PDB file of N, CA and C in Angstrom:
ATOM      1  N   ARG A   1       5.208 -26.919  10.801  1.00  0.00           N
ATOM      2  CA  ARG A   1       4.430 -25.947  10.626  1.00  0.00           C
ATOM      3  C   ARG A   1       3.396 -25.357  11.336  1.00  0.00           C
ATOM      4  N   VAL A   2       3.336 -24.150  11.235  1.00  0.00           N
ATOM      5  CA  VAL A   2       1.960 -23.297  11.842  1.00  0.00           C
ATOM      6  C   VAL A   2       0.532 -24.018  11.651  1.00  0.00           C
ATOM      7  N   GLN A   3      -0.010 -24.149  12.481  1.00  0.00           N
ATOM      8  CA  GLN A   3      -1.569 -24.617  11.950  1.00  0.00           C
ATOM      9  C   GLN A   3      -2.401 -23.510  12.428  1.00  0.00           C
ATOM     10  N   LEU A   4      -3.369 -23.233  12.140  1.00  0.00           N
ATOM     11  CA  LEU A   4      -4.233 -22.034  12.090  1.00  0.00           C
ATOM     12  C   LEU A   4      -5.691 -22.737  12.194  1.00  0.00           C
ATOM     13  N   VAL A   5      -6.323 -22.130  12.924  1.00  0.00           N
ATOM     14  CA  VAL A   5      -7.913 -22.754  12.964  1.00  0.00           C
ATOM     15  C   VAL A   5      -8.990 -21.618  13.199  1.00  0.00           C
ATOM     16  N   GLU A   6      -9.716 -21.487  12.012  1.00  0.00           N
ATOM     17  CA  GLU A   6     -10.410 -20.536  12.094  1.00  0.00           C
ATOM     18  C   GLU A   6     -11.923 -20.721  12.814  1.00  0.00           C
ATOM     19  N   SER A   7     -12.748 -19.985  13.408  1.00  0.00           N
ATOM     20  CA  SER A   7     -14.073 -20.359  13.690  1.00  0.00           C
ATOM     21  C   SER A   7     -14.928 -19.222  13.760  1.00  0.00           C
ATOM     22  N   GLY A   8     -16.308 -19.615  13.756  1.00  0.00           N
ATOM     23  CA  GLY A   8     -17.198 -18.203  14.152  1.00  0.00           C
ATOM     24  C   GLY A   8     -18.031 -18.020  13.002  1.00  0.00           C
ATOM     25  N   GLY A   9     -17.907 -18.638  11.867  1.00  0.00           N
ATOM     26  CA  GLY A   9     -18.519 -18.527  10.857  1.00  0.00           C
ATOM     27  C   GLY A   9     -20.175 -18.719  10.831  1.00  0.00           C
ATOM     28  N   ASP A  10     -20.994 -18.073  10.222  1.00  0.00           N
ATOM     29  CA  ASP A  10     -22.356 -18.475  10.364  1.00  0.00           C
ATOM     30  C   ASP A  10     -23.178 -17.874   9.205  1.00  0.00           C
ATOM     31  N   SER A  11     -24.471 -17.982   9.208  1.00  0.00           N
ATOM     32  CA  SER A  11     -25.087 -17.586   8.353  1.00  0.00           C
ATOM     33  C   SER A  11     -26.054 -16.397   9.147  1.00  0.00           C
ATOM     34  N   VAL A  12     -26.373 -15.270   8.762  1.00  0.00           N
ATOM     35  CA  VAL A  12     -26.794 -14.205   9.284  1.00  0.00           C
ATOM     36  C   VAL A  12     -27.605 -13.309   8.129  1.00  0.00           C
ATOM     37  N   GLN A  13     -28.689 -12.218   8.656  1.00  0.00           N
ATOM     38  CA  GLN A  13     -28.961 -11.645   7.939  1.00  0.00           C
ATOM     39  C   GLN A  13     -28.419 -10.282   7.704  1.00  0.00           C
ATOM     40  N   ALA A  14     -28.554  -9.210   6.772  1.00  0.00           N
ATOM     41  CA  ALA A  14     -27.740  -8.325   6.633  1.00  0.00           C
ATOM     42  C   ALA A  14     -28.058  -7.209   7.697  1.00  0.00           C
ATOM     43  N   GLY A  15     -27.077  -6.759   8.120  1.00  0.00           N
ATOM     44  CA  GLY A  15     -26.879  -5.905   9.301  1.00  0.00           C
ATOM     45  C   GLY A  15     -26.572  -6.385  10.343  1.00  0.00           C
ATOM     46  N   GLY A  16     -26.493  -7.746  10.472  1.00  0.00           N
ATOM     47  CA  GLY A  16     -26.022  -8.501  11.737  1.00  0.00           C
ATOM     48  C   GLY A  16     -24.632  -8.525  11.876  1.00  0.00           C
ATOM     49  N   SER A  17     -24.380  -9.113  12.808  1.00  0.00           N
ATOM     50  CA  SER A  17     -22.699  -9.268  13.537  1.00  0.00           C
ATOM     51  C   SER A  17     -22.354 -10.501  13.671  1.00  0.00           C
ATOM     52  N   LEU A  18     -20.903 -10.756  13.260  1.00  0.00           N
ATOM     53  CA  LEU A  18     -20.583 -12.131  13.702  1.00  0.00           C
ATOM     54  C   LEU A  18     -18.927 -11.534  14.390  1.00  0.00           C
ATOM     55  N   ARG A  19     -18.575 -12.732  14.861  1.00  0.00           N
ATOM     56  CA  ARG A  19     -16.999 -12.440  15.522  1.00  0.00           C
ATOM     57  C   ARG A  19     -16.222 -13.625  15.220  1.00  0.00           C
ATOM     58  N   LEU A  20     -15.260 -13.444  14.485  1.00  0.00           N
ATOM     59  CA  LEU A  20     -14.266 -14.870  14.012  1.00  0.00           C
ATOM     60  C   LEU A  20     -13.299 -14.742  14.846  1.00  0.00           C
ATOM     61  N   SER A  21     -12.866 -16.069  15.098  1.00  0.00           N
ATOM     62  CA  SER A  21     -11.488 -16.145  15.640  1.00  0.00           C
ATOM     63  C   SER A  21     -10.516 -17.043  15.135  1.00  0.00           C
ATOM     64  N   CYS A  22      -9.588 -16.921  15.541  1.00  0.00           N
ATOM     65  CA  CYS A  22      -8.252 -17.667  14.643  1.00  0.00           C
ATOM     66  C   CYS A  22      -7.355 -18.343  15.880  1.00  0.00           C
ATOM     67  N   LYS A  23      -7.239 -19.371  16.076  1.00  0.00           N
ATOM     68  CA  LYS A  23      -6.013 -19.740  17.021  1.00  0.00           C
ATOM     69  C   LYS A  23      -5.026 -20.537  16.407  1.00  0.00           C
ATOM     70  N   SER A  24      -3.980 -20.106  16.755  1.00  0.00           N
ATOM     71  CA  SER A  24      -2.555 -20.614  16.147  1.00  0.00           C
ATOM     72  C   SER A  24      -1.776 -21.613  17.066  1.00  0.00           C
ATOM     73  N   SER A  25      -1.096 -22.769  16.581  1.00  0.00           N
ATOM     74  CA  SER A  25      -0.635 -23.657  17.402  1.00  0.00           C
ATOM     75  C   SER A  25       0.474 -23.136  17.615  1.00  0.00           C
ATOM     76  N   GLU A  26       1.368 -22.229  17.072  1.00  0.00           N
ATOM     77  CA  GLU A  26       2.524 -21.471  17.419  1.00  0.00           C
ATOM     78  C   GLU A  26       2.401 -19.967  17.503  1.00  0.00           C
ATOM     79  N   ASP A  27       3.378 -19.397  18.022  1.00  0.00           N
ATOM     80  CA  ASP A  27       3.499 -17.957  17.956  1.00  0.00           C
ATOM     81  C   ASP A  27       3.393 -17.364  16.728  1.00  0.00           C
ATOM     82  N   PHE A  28       2.779 -16.132  16.566  1.00  0.00           N
ATOM     83  CA  PHE A  28       2.218 -15.537  15.552  1.00  0.00           C
ATOM     84  C   PHE A  28       3.553 -14.938  15.008  1.00  0.00           C
ATOM     85  N   ASN A  29       3.639 -14.743  13.524  1.00  0.00           N
ATOM     86  CA  ASN A  29       4.629 -13.998  12.608  1.00  0.00           C
ATOM     87  C   ASN A  29       4.506 -12.459  13.714  1.00  0.00           C
ATOM     88  N   VAL A  30       5.855 -12.427  13.876  1.00  0.00           N
ATOM     89  CA  VAL A  30       6.163 -10.844  14.559  1.00  0.00           C
ATOM     90  C   VAL A  30       6.083  -9.722  13.630  1.00  0.00           C
ATOM     91  N   TYR A  31       6.028  -9.954  12.277  1.00  0.00           N
ATOM     92  CA  TYR A  31       5.972  -8.824  11.561  1.00  0.00           C
ATOM     93  C   TYR A  31       4.262  -8.662  11.258  1.00  0.00           C
ATOM     94  N   CYS A  32       3.706  -9.354  10.593  1.00  0.00           N
ATOM     95  CA  CYS A  32       2.383  -9.012   9.992  1.00  0.00           C
ATOM     96  C   CYS A  32       1.574 -10.149   9.934  1.00  0.00           C
ATOM     97  N   VAL A  33       0.220 -10.061  10.483  1.00  0.00           N
ATOM     98  CA  VAL A  33      -0.700 -11.130  10.188  1.00  0.00           C
ATOM     99  C   VAL A  33      -1.954 -10.613   9.505  1.00  0.00           C
ATOM    100  N   GLY A  34      -3.094 -11.227   9.236  1.00  0.00           N
ATOM    101  CA  GLY A  34      -3.877 -10.972   8.483  1.00  0.00           C
ATOM    102  C   GLY A  34      -5.444 -11.589   8.493  1.00  0.00           C
ATOM    103  N   TRP A  35      -6.219 -11.122   8.143  1.00  0.00           N
ATOM    104  CA  TRP A  35      -7.564 -11.802   7.566  1.00  0.00           C
ATOM    105  C   TRP A  35      -7.597 -11.684   6.130  1.00  0.00           C
ATOM    106  N   PHE A  36      -8.398 -12.551   5.509  1.00  0.00           N
ATOM    107  CA  PHE A  36      -8.580 -12.772   4.209  1.00  0.00           C
ATOM    108  C   PHE A  36      -9.972 -13.272   3.918  1.00  0.00           C
ATOM    109  N   ARG A  37     -10.537 -12.903   2.819  1.00  0.00           N
ATOM    110  CA  ARG A  37     -11.732 -13.687   2.261  1.00  0.00           C
ATOM    111  C   ARG A  37     -11.827 -13.888   0.838  1.00  0.00           C
ATOM    112  N   GLN A  38     -12.504 -15.092   0.562  1.00  0.00           N
ATOM    113  CA  GLN A  38     -12.552 -15.353  -0.853  1.00  0.00           C
ATOM    114  C   GLN A  38     -14.015 -15.590  -1.071  1.00  0.00           C
ATOM    115  N   ALA A  39     -14.638 -15.038  -1.924  1.00  0.00           N
ATOM    116  CA  ALA A  39     -16.213 -14.909  -2.352  1.00  0.00           C
ATOM    117  C   ALA A  39     -16.060 -15.901  -3.673  1.00  0.00           C
ATOM    118  N   PRO A  40     -17.554 -16.398  -3.559  1.00  0.00           N
ATOM    119  CA  PRO A  40     -17.572 -17.400  -4.871  1.00  0.00           C
ATOM    120  C   PRO A  40     -17.173 -16.523  -6.306  1.00  0.00           C
ATOM    121  N   GLY A  41     -16.198 -17.291  -7.133  1.00  0.00           N
ATOM    122  CA  GLY A  41     -15.910 -16.851  -8.038  1.00  0.00           C
ATOM    123  C   GLY A  41     -14.917 -15.621  -8.347  1.00  0.00           C
ATOM    124  N   LYS A  42     -14.445 -15.233  -7.343  1.00  0.00           N
ATOM    125  CA  LYS A  42     -13.466 -14.210  -6.722  1.00  0.00           C
ATOM    126  C   LYS A  42     -12.128 -14.825  -6.412  1.00  0.00           C
ATOM    127  N   GLU A  43     -11.131 -13.735  -6.419  1.00  0.00           N
ATOM    128  CA  GLU A  43      -9.740 -14.132  -5.891  1.00  0.00           C
ATOM    129  C   GLU A  43      -9.827 -13.772  -4.433  1.00  0.00           C
ATOM    130  N   ARG A  44      -9.018 -14.447  -3.878  1.00  0.00           N
ATOM    131  CA  ARG A  44      -8.842 -14.305  -2.389  1.00  0.00           C
ATOM    132  C   ARG A  44      -7.808 -12.907  -2.141  1.00  0.00           C
ATOM    133  N   MET A  45      -8.787 -12.053  -1.198  1.00  0.00           N
ATOM    134  CA  MET A  45      -8.183 -10.650  -0.883  1.00  0.00           C
ATOM    135  C   MET A  45      -8.252 -10.546   0.464  1.00  0.00           C
ATOM    136  N   GLY A  46      -6.925  -9.600   0.896  1.00  0.00           N
ATOM    137  CA  GLY A  46      -6.734  -9.080   2.045  1.00  0.00           C
ATOM    138  C   GLY A  46      -8.215  -8.059   2.777  1.00  0.00           C
ATOM    139  N   ILE A  47      -8.405  -8.437   3.782  1.00  0.00           N
ATOM    140  CA  ILE A  47      -9.307  -7.392   4.353  1.00  0.00           C
ATOM    141  C   ILE A  47      -9.040  -6.834   5.629  1.00  0.00           C
ATOM    142  N   ALA A  48      -7.939  -6.921   6.435  1.00  0.00           N
ATOM    143  CA  ALA A  48      -7.493  -6.478   7.745  1.00  0.00           C
ATOM    144  C   ALA A  48      -6.226  -7.234   7.723  1.00  0.00           C
ATOM    145  N   LYS A  49      -4.904  -6.436   8.351  1.00  0.00           N
ATOM    146  CA  LYS A  49      -3.872  -6.715   8.593  1.00  0.00           C
ATOM    147  C   LYS A  49      -3.488  -5.849   9.561  1.00  0.00           C
ATOM    148  N   ILE A  50      -2.511  -6.456  10.624  1.00  0.00           N
ATOM    149  CA  ILE A  50      -1.767  -5.801  11.640  1.00  0.00           C
ATOM    150  C   ILE A  50      -0.099  -6.096  11.231  1.00  0.00           C
ATOM    151  N   ASP A  51       0.351  -4.727  11.277  1.00  0.00           N
ATOM    152  CA  ASP A  51       1.604  -4.665  10.916  1.00  0.00           C
ATOM    153  C   ASP A  51       2.555  -4.589  12.282  1.00  0.00           C
ATOM    154  N   SER A  52       3.216  -5.023  12.710  1.00  0.00           N
ATOM    155  CA  SER A  52       4.117  -4.924  13.977  1.00  0.00           C
ATOM    156  C   SER A  52       5.149  -3.834  13.729  1.00  0.00           C
ATOM    157  N   GLY A  53       5.684  -3.754  12.434  1.00  0.00           N
ATOM    158  CA  GLY A  53       6.655  -3.010  12.020  1.00  0.00           C
ATOM    159  C   GLY A  53       6.204  -1.436  12.349  1.00  0.00           C
ATOM    160  N   THR A  54       5.162  -1.259  11.705  1.00  0.00           N
ATOM    161  CA  THR A  54       4.589   0.082  11.744  1.00  0.00           C
ATOM    162  C   THR A  54       3.649   0.345  12.899  1.00  0.00           C
ATOM    163  N   GLY A  55       3.046  -0.664  13.505  1.00  0.00           N
ATOM    164  CA  GLY A  55       2.225  -0.579  14.590  1.00  0.00           C
ATOM    165  C   GLY A  55       0.584  -0.175  14.224  1.00  0.00           C
ATOM    166  N   MET A  56       0.678  -0.354  12.923  1.00  0.00           N
ATOM    167  CA  MET A  56      -0.830   0.020  12.285  1.00  0.00           C
ATOM    168  C   MET A  56      -1.482  -1.263  12.024  1.00  0.00           C
ATOM    169  N   THR A  57      -3.014  -0.916  12.112  1.00  0.00           N
ATOM    170  CA  THR A  57      -3.946  -1.963  11.396  1.00  0.00           C
ATOM    171  C   THR A  57      -4.487  -1.307  10.207  1.00  0.00           C
ATOM    172  N   TRP A  58      -4.582  -1.969   9.160  1.00  0.00           N
ATOM    173  CA  TRP A  58      -4.982  -1.660   7.663  1.00  0.00           C
ATOM    174  C   TRP A  58      -6.368  -2.625   7.614  1.00  0.00           C
ATOM    175  N   TYR A  59      -7.111  -1.557   6.827  1.00  0.00           N
ATOM    176  CA  TYR A  59      -8.478  -2.435   6.746  1.00  0.00           C
ATOM    177  C   TYR A  59      -8.743  -1.919   5.049  1.00  0.00           C
ATOM    178  N   HIS A  60      -9.163  -2.990   4.350  1.00  0.00           N
ATOM    179  CA  HIS A  60      -9.696  -2.652   3.161  1.00  0.00           C
ATOM    180  C   HIS A  60     -11.024  -1.950   2.980  1.00  0.00           C
ATOM    181  N   GLU A  61     -11.250  -0.762   1.941  1.00  0.00           N
ATOM    182  CA  GLU A  61     -12.044   0.073   2.036  1.00  0.00           C
ATOM    183  C   GLU A  61     -13.673  -0.571   2.038  1.00  0.00           C
ATOM    184  N   SER A  62     -13.682  -1.651   1.368  1.00  0.00           N
ATOM    185  CA  SER A  62     -14.940  -2.554   1.733  1.00  0.00           C
ATOM    186  C   SER A  62     -15.626  -2.777   3.231  1.00  0.00           C
ATOM    187  N   VAL A  63     -14.680  -2.943   4.057  1.00  0.00           N
ATOM    188  CA  VAL A  63     -14.845  -3.069   5.673  1.00  0.00           C
ATOM    189  C   VAL A  63     -14.424  -2.091   6.571  1.00  0.00           C
ATOM    190  N   ARG A  64     -13.872  -1.334   5.924  1.00  0.00           N
ATOM    191  CA  ARG A  64     -13.444  -0.248   7.136  1.00  0.00           C
ATOM    192  C   ARG A  64     -14.543   0.418   7.824  1.00  0.00           C
ATOM    193  N   GLY A  65     -14.366   0.488   8.948  1.00  0.00           N
ATOM    194  CA  GLY A  65     -15.415   1.267   9.775  1.00  0.00           C
ATOM    195  C   GLY A  65     -16.550   0.076  10.139  1.00  0.00           C
ATOM    196  N   ARG A  66     -16.524  -0.907   9.822  1.00  0.00           N
ATOM    197  CA  ARG A  66     -17.327  -2.097  10.107  1.00  0.00           C
ATOM    198  C   ARG A  66     -16.734  -3.105  10.776  1.00  0.00           C
ATOM    199  N   PHE A  67     -15.590  -3.617  10.474  1.00  0.00           N
ATOM    200  CA  PHE A  67     -14.906  -4.592  11.195  1.00  0.00           C
ATOM    201  C   PHE A  67     -13.509  -3.980  11.845  1.00  0.00           C
ATOM    202  N   THR A  68     -13.075  -4.828  12.888  1.00  0.00           N
ATOM    203  CA  THR A  68     -12.355  -4.620  13.956  1.00  0.00           C
ATOM    204  C   THR A  68     -11.339  -5.701  13.950  1.00  0.00           C
ATOM    205  N   MET A  69     -10.410  -5.692  13.394  1.00  0.00           N
ATOM    206  CA  MET A  69      -9.329  -6.826  13.908  1.00  0.00           C
ATOM    207  C   MET A  69      -8.623  -6.675  15.292  1.00  0.00           C
ATOM    208  N   SER A  70      -8.243  -7.671  15.997  1.00  0.00           N
ATOM    209  CA  SER A  70      -7.457  -7.387  16.980  1.00  0.00           C
ATOM    210  C   SER A  70      -6.730  -8.809  17.098  1.00  0.00           C
ATOM    211  N   LEU A  71      -5.509  -8.757  18.068  1.00  0.00           N
ATOM    212  CA  LEU A  71      -4.508 -10.063  18.199  1.00  0.00           C
ATOM    213  C   LEU A  71      -4.036 -10.011  19.779  1.00  0.00           C
ATOM    214  N   ASP A  72      -3.806 -11.052  20.028  1.00  0.00           N
ATOM    215  CA  ASP A  72      -3.537 -11.367  21.442  1.00  0.00           C
ATOM    216  C   ASP A  72      -2.402 -12.530  21.363  1.00  0.00           C
ATOM    217  N   ARG A  73      -1.242 -11.988  21.399  1.00  0.00           N
ATOM    218  CA  ARG A  73       0.047 -12.901  20.991  1.00  0.00           C
ATOM    219  C   ARG A  73      -0.046 -13.938  22.364  1.00  0.00           C
ATOM    220  N   ALA A  74      -0.269 -13.295  23.170  1.00  0.00           N
ATOM    221  CA  ALA A  74       0.081 -14.062  24.390  1.00  0.00           C
ATOM    222  C   ALA A  74      -0.894 -15.452  24.332  1.00  0.00           C
ATOM    223  N   GLU A  75      -1.938 -15.317  23.931  1.00  0.00           N
ATOM    224  CA  GLU A  75      -2.903 -16.382  23.646  1.00  0.00           C
ATOM    225  C   GLU A  75      -3.032 -16.857  22.033  1.00  0.00           C
ATOM    226  N   ARG A  76      -2.160 -16.493  21.426  1.00  0.00           N
ATOM    227  CA  ARG A  76      -2.070 -17.219  20.005  1.00  0.00           C
ATOM    228  C   ARG A  76      -3.378 -16.846  19.256  1.00  0.00           C
ATOM    229  N   THR A  77      -4.068 -16.103  19.544  1.00  0.00           N
ATOM    230  CA  THR A  77      -5.414 -15.751  19.050  1.00  0.00           C
ATOM    231  C   THR A  77      -5.626 -14.474  18.370  1.00  0.00           C
ATOM    232  N   MET A  78      -6.470 -14.475  17.299  1.00  0.00           N
ATOM    233  CA  MET A  78      -6.517 -13.074  16.603  1.00  0.00           C
ATOM    234  C   MET A  78      -8.046 -13.351  16.354  1.00  0.00           C
ATOM    235  N   THR A  79      -8.814 -12.071  16.287  1.00  0.00           N
ATOM    236  CA  THR A  79     -10.276 -12.024  16.093  1.00  0.00           C
ATOM    237  C   THR A  79     -10.692 -11.083  15.175  1.00  0.00           C
ATOM    238  N   LEU A  80     -11.765 -11.157  14.702  1.00  0.00           N
ATOM    239  CA  LEU A  80     -12.383 -10.182  13.605  1.00  0.00           C
ATOM    240  C   LEU A  80     -13.649  -9.979  14.002  1.00  0.00           C
ATOM    241  N   GLN A  81     -14.182  -8.653  14.614  1.00  0.00           N
ATOM    242  CA  GLN A  81     -15.412  -8.654  14.889  1.00  0.00           C
ATOM    243  C   GLN A  81     -16.066  -7.704  13.522  1.00  0.00           C
ATOM    244  N   MET A  82     -17.160  -8.257  13.395  1.00  0.00           N
ATOM    245  CA  MET A  82     -17.474  -7.876  11.753  1.00  0.00           C
ATOM    246  C   MET A  82     -19.044  -7.485  12.261  1.00  0.00           C
ATOM    247  N   ASN A  83     -19.526  -5.949  12.098  1.00  0.00           N
ATOM    248  CA  ASN A  83     -20.673  -5.504  12.152  1.00  0.00           C
ATOM    249  C   ASN A  83     -21.173  -4.779  11.029  1.00  0.00           C
ATOM    250  N   GLY A  84     -22.569  -4.684  11.088  1.00  0.00           N
ATOM    251  CA  GLY A  84     -23.240  -4.179   9.947  1.00  0.00           C
ATOM    252  C   GLY A  84     -22.930  -4.882   8.588  1.00  0.00           C
ATOM    253  N   LEU A  85     -23.247  -6.194   8.643  1.00  0.00           N
ATOM    254  CA  LEU A  85     -22.595  -7.336   7.790  1.00  0.00           C
ATOM    255  C   LEU A  85     -23.400  -6.889   6.340  1.00  0.00           C
ATOM    256  N   LYS A  86     -23.193  -7.170   5.222  1.00  0.00           N
ATOM    257  CA  LYS A  86     -23.843  -6.916   3.978  1.00  0.00           C
ATOM    258  C   LYS A  86     -23.741  -8.238   3.093  1.00  0.00           C
ATOM    259  N   PRO A  87     -24.758  -8.600   2.297  1.00  0.00           N
ATOM    260  CA  PRO A  87     -24.833  -9.860   1.397  1.00  0.00           C
ATOM    261  C   PRO A  87     -23.361  -9.820   0.713  1.00  0.00           C
ATOM    262  N   GLU A  88     -22.535  -8.728   0.329  1.00  0.00           N
ATOM    263  CA  GLU A  88     -21.407  -8.871  -0.479  1.00  0.00           C
ATOM    264  C   GLU A  88     -20.205  -9.311   0.300  1.00  0.00           C
ATOM    265  N   ASP A  89     -20.453  -9.377   1.749  1.00  0.00           N
ATOM    266  CA  ASP A  89     -19.391  -9.813   2.759  1.00  0.00           C
ATOM    267  C   ASP A  89     -19.409 -11.469   2.496  1.00  0.00           C
ATOM    268  N   THR A  90     -20.358 -12.085   1.843  1.00  0.00           N
ATOM    269  CA  THR A  90     -20.558 -13.606   2.225  1.00  0.00           C
ATOM    270  C   THR A  90     -19.311 -14.287   1.430  1.00  0.00           C
ATOM    271  N   ALA A  91     -18.612 -15.045   1.988  1.00  0.00           N
ATOM    272  CA  ALA A  91     -17.254 -15.495   1.542  1.00  0.00           C
ATOM    273  C   ALA A  91     -16.966 -16.323   2.792  1.00  0.00           C
ATOM    274  N   ILE A  92     -15.627 -17.213   2.139  1.00  0.00           N
ATOM    275  CA  ILE A  92     -14.804 -17.883   3.105  1.00  0.00           C
ATOM    276  C   ILE A  92     -13.749 -16.921   3.792  1.00  0.00           C
ATOM    277  N   TYR A  93     -13.640 -16.949   4.944  1.00  0.00           N
ATOM    278  CA  TYR A  93     -12.642 -16.077   5.543  1.00  0.00           C
ATOM    279  C   TYR A  93     -11.428 -16.969   6.419  1.00  0.00           C
ATOM    280  N   TYR A  94     -10.397 -16.388   6.037  1.00  0.00           N
ATOM    281  CA  TYR A  94      -9.162 -16.986   6.356  1.00  0.00           C
ATOM    282  C   TYR A  94      -8.410 -16.272   7.488  1.00  0.00           C
ATOM    283  N   CYS A  95      -7.695 -16.409   8.423  1.00  0.00           N
ATOM    284  CA  CYS A  95      -6.716 -15.751   9.027  1.00  0.00           C
ATOM    285  C   CYS A  95      -5.232 -16.397   8.435  1.00  0.00           C
ATOM    286  N   ALA A  96      -4.244 -15.601   8.622  1.00  0.00           N
ATOM    287  CA  ALA A  96      -3.039 -15.823   7.913  1.00  0.00           C
ATOM    288  C   ALA A  96      -1.988 -15.392   8.881  1.00  0.00           C
ATOM    289  N   ASP A  97      -0.937 -16.178   8.865  1.00  0.00           N
ATOM    290  CA  ASP A  97       0.161 -15.860   9.573  1.00  0.00           C
ATOM    291  C   ASP A  97       1.283 -15.031   8.916  1.00  0.00           C
ATOM    292  N   ASP A  98       0.755 -14.320   7.917  1.00  0.00           N
ATOM    293  CA  ASP A  98       1.605 -13.500   7.210  1.00  0.00           C
ATOM    294  C   ASP A  98       0.576 -12.432   6.372  1.00  0.00           C
ATOM    295  N   CYS A  99       1.223 -11.547   5.603  1.00  0.00           N
ATOM    296  CA  CYS A  99       0.286 -10.374   4.874  1.00  0.00           C
ATOM    297  C   CYS A  99       0.028 -10.755   3.390  1.00  0.00           C
ATOM    298  N   SER A 100       0.547 -12.014   3.066  1.00  0.00           N
ATOM    299  CA  SER A 100       0.292 -12.433   1.776  1.00  0.00           C
ATOM    300  C   SER A 100      -0.881 -13.409   1.687  1.00  0.00           C
ATOM    301  N   GLY A 101      -1.328 -14.101   2.890  1.00  0.00           N
ATOM    302  CA  GLY A 101      -2.070 -14.964   2.746  1.00  0.00           C
ATOM    303  C   GLY A 101      -1.764 -16.402   2.629  1.00  0.00           C
ATOM    304  N   GLN A 102      -0.435 -16.696   2.319  1.00  0.00           N
ATOM    305  CA  GLN A 102       0.271 -17.891   2.213  1.00  0.00           C
ATOM    306  C   GLN A 102      -0.266 -18.985   3.145  1.00  0.00           C
ATOM    307  N   THR A 103       0.154 -18.624   4.406  1.00  0.00           N
ATOM    308  CA  THR A 103       0.101 -19.325   5.557  1.00  0.00           C
ATOM    309  C   THR A 103      -1.120 -19.043   6.209  1.00  0.00           C
ATOM    310  N   ARG A 104      -2.116 -19.920   6.003  1.00  0.00           N
ATOM    311  CA  ARG A 104      -3.506 -19.623   6.380  1.00  0.00           C
ATOM    312  C   ARG A 104      -4.237 -21.068   6.734  1.00  0.00           C
ATOM    313  N   GLY A 105      -5.442 -20.890   7.297  1.00  0.00           N
ATOM    314  CA  GLY A 105      -6.010 -21.979   8.081  1.00  0.00           C
ATOM    315  C   GLY A 105      -6.972 -22.645   6.972  1.00  0.00           C
ATOM    316  N   GLN A 106      -8.163 -23.670   7.260  1.00  0.00           N
ATOM    317  CA  GLN A 106      -8.902 -24.032   6.302  1.00  0.00           C
ATOM    318  C   GLN A 106     -10.175 -22.886   5.801  1.00  0.00           C
ATOM    319  N   GLY A 107     -10.105 -21.866   6.948  1.00  0.00           N
ATOM    320  CA  GLY A 107     -11.380 -21.088   6.682  1.00  0.00           C
ATOM    321  C   GLY A 107     -12.475 -21.260   7.281  1.00  0.00           C
ATOM    322  N   THR A 108     -13.378 -20.231   7.572  1.00  0.00           N
ATOM    323  CA  THR A 108     -14.749 -20.407   8.035  1.00  0.00           C
ATOM    324  C   THR A 108     -15.600 -19.768   7.185  1.00  0.00           C
ATOM    325  N   GLN A 109     -16.875 -20.309   6.838  1.00  0.00           N
ATOM    326  CA  GLN A 109     -17.712 -19.676   5.858  1.00  0.00           C
ATOM    327  C   GLN A 109     -19.000 -18.563   6.764  1.00  0.00           C
ATOM    328  N   VAL A 110     -18.859 -17.479   5.908  1.00  0.00           N
ATOM    329  CA  VAL A 110     -19.799 -16.396   6.425  1.00  0.00           C
ATOM    330  C   VAL A 110     -20.866 -16.221   5.395  1.00  0.00           C
ATOM    331  N   THR A 111     -21.955 -16.335   5.712  1.00  0.00           N
ATOM    332  CA  THR A 111     -23.156 -15.914   4.618  1.00  0.00           C
ATOM    333  C   THR A 111     -23.934 -15.215   4.968  1.00  0.00           C
ATOM    334  N   VAL A 112     -24.315 -13.805   4.335  1.00  0.00           N
ATOM    335  CA  VAL A 112     -25.327 -12.954   4.610  1.00  0.00           C
ATOM    336  C   VAL A 112     -26.218 -12.721   3.948  1.00  0.00           C
ATOM    337  N   SER A 113     -27.526 -12.817   4.371  1.00  0.00           N
ATOM    338  CA  SER A 113     -28.583 -12.917   3.413  1.00  0.00           C
ATOM    339  C   SER A 113     -29.336 -11.596   3.507  1.00  0.00           C
ATOM    340  N   SER A 114     -29.965 -11.285   2.501  1.00  0.00           N
ATOM    341  CA  SER A 114     -30.781  -9.729   2.301  1.00  0.00           C
ATOM    342  C   SER A 114     -32.125  -9.937   2.882  1.00  0.00           C
TER     343      SER A 114
END
């Protein structure tokens, strides 16, 4: 079974930036991979996805224009560059080897203070 390890989470002030990384033990899903987050008391939600079928990257409206997802299949790594962080971005962030979030890592904590 594929193993995913996220890193890069930290505590930052509003307006700051973080870069999350995800390393996979196997080649990524050829169809769709993504980033998810789960805030305290809320359901997990997808925030960025790369769909190889359409060749498009999708972002949730709450992060569009601030977050950028990239994928390096050769290195089995995907990243999430997060700029202009807001307190509402506080959550555990997961990478997933699908676009449903079922095959995901343990997550990395991002805390944004005002």
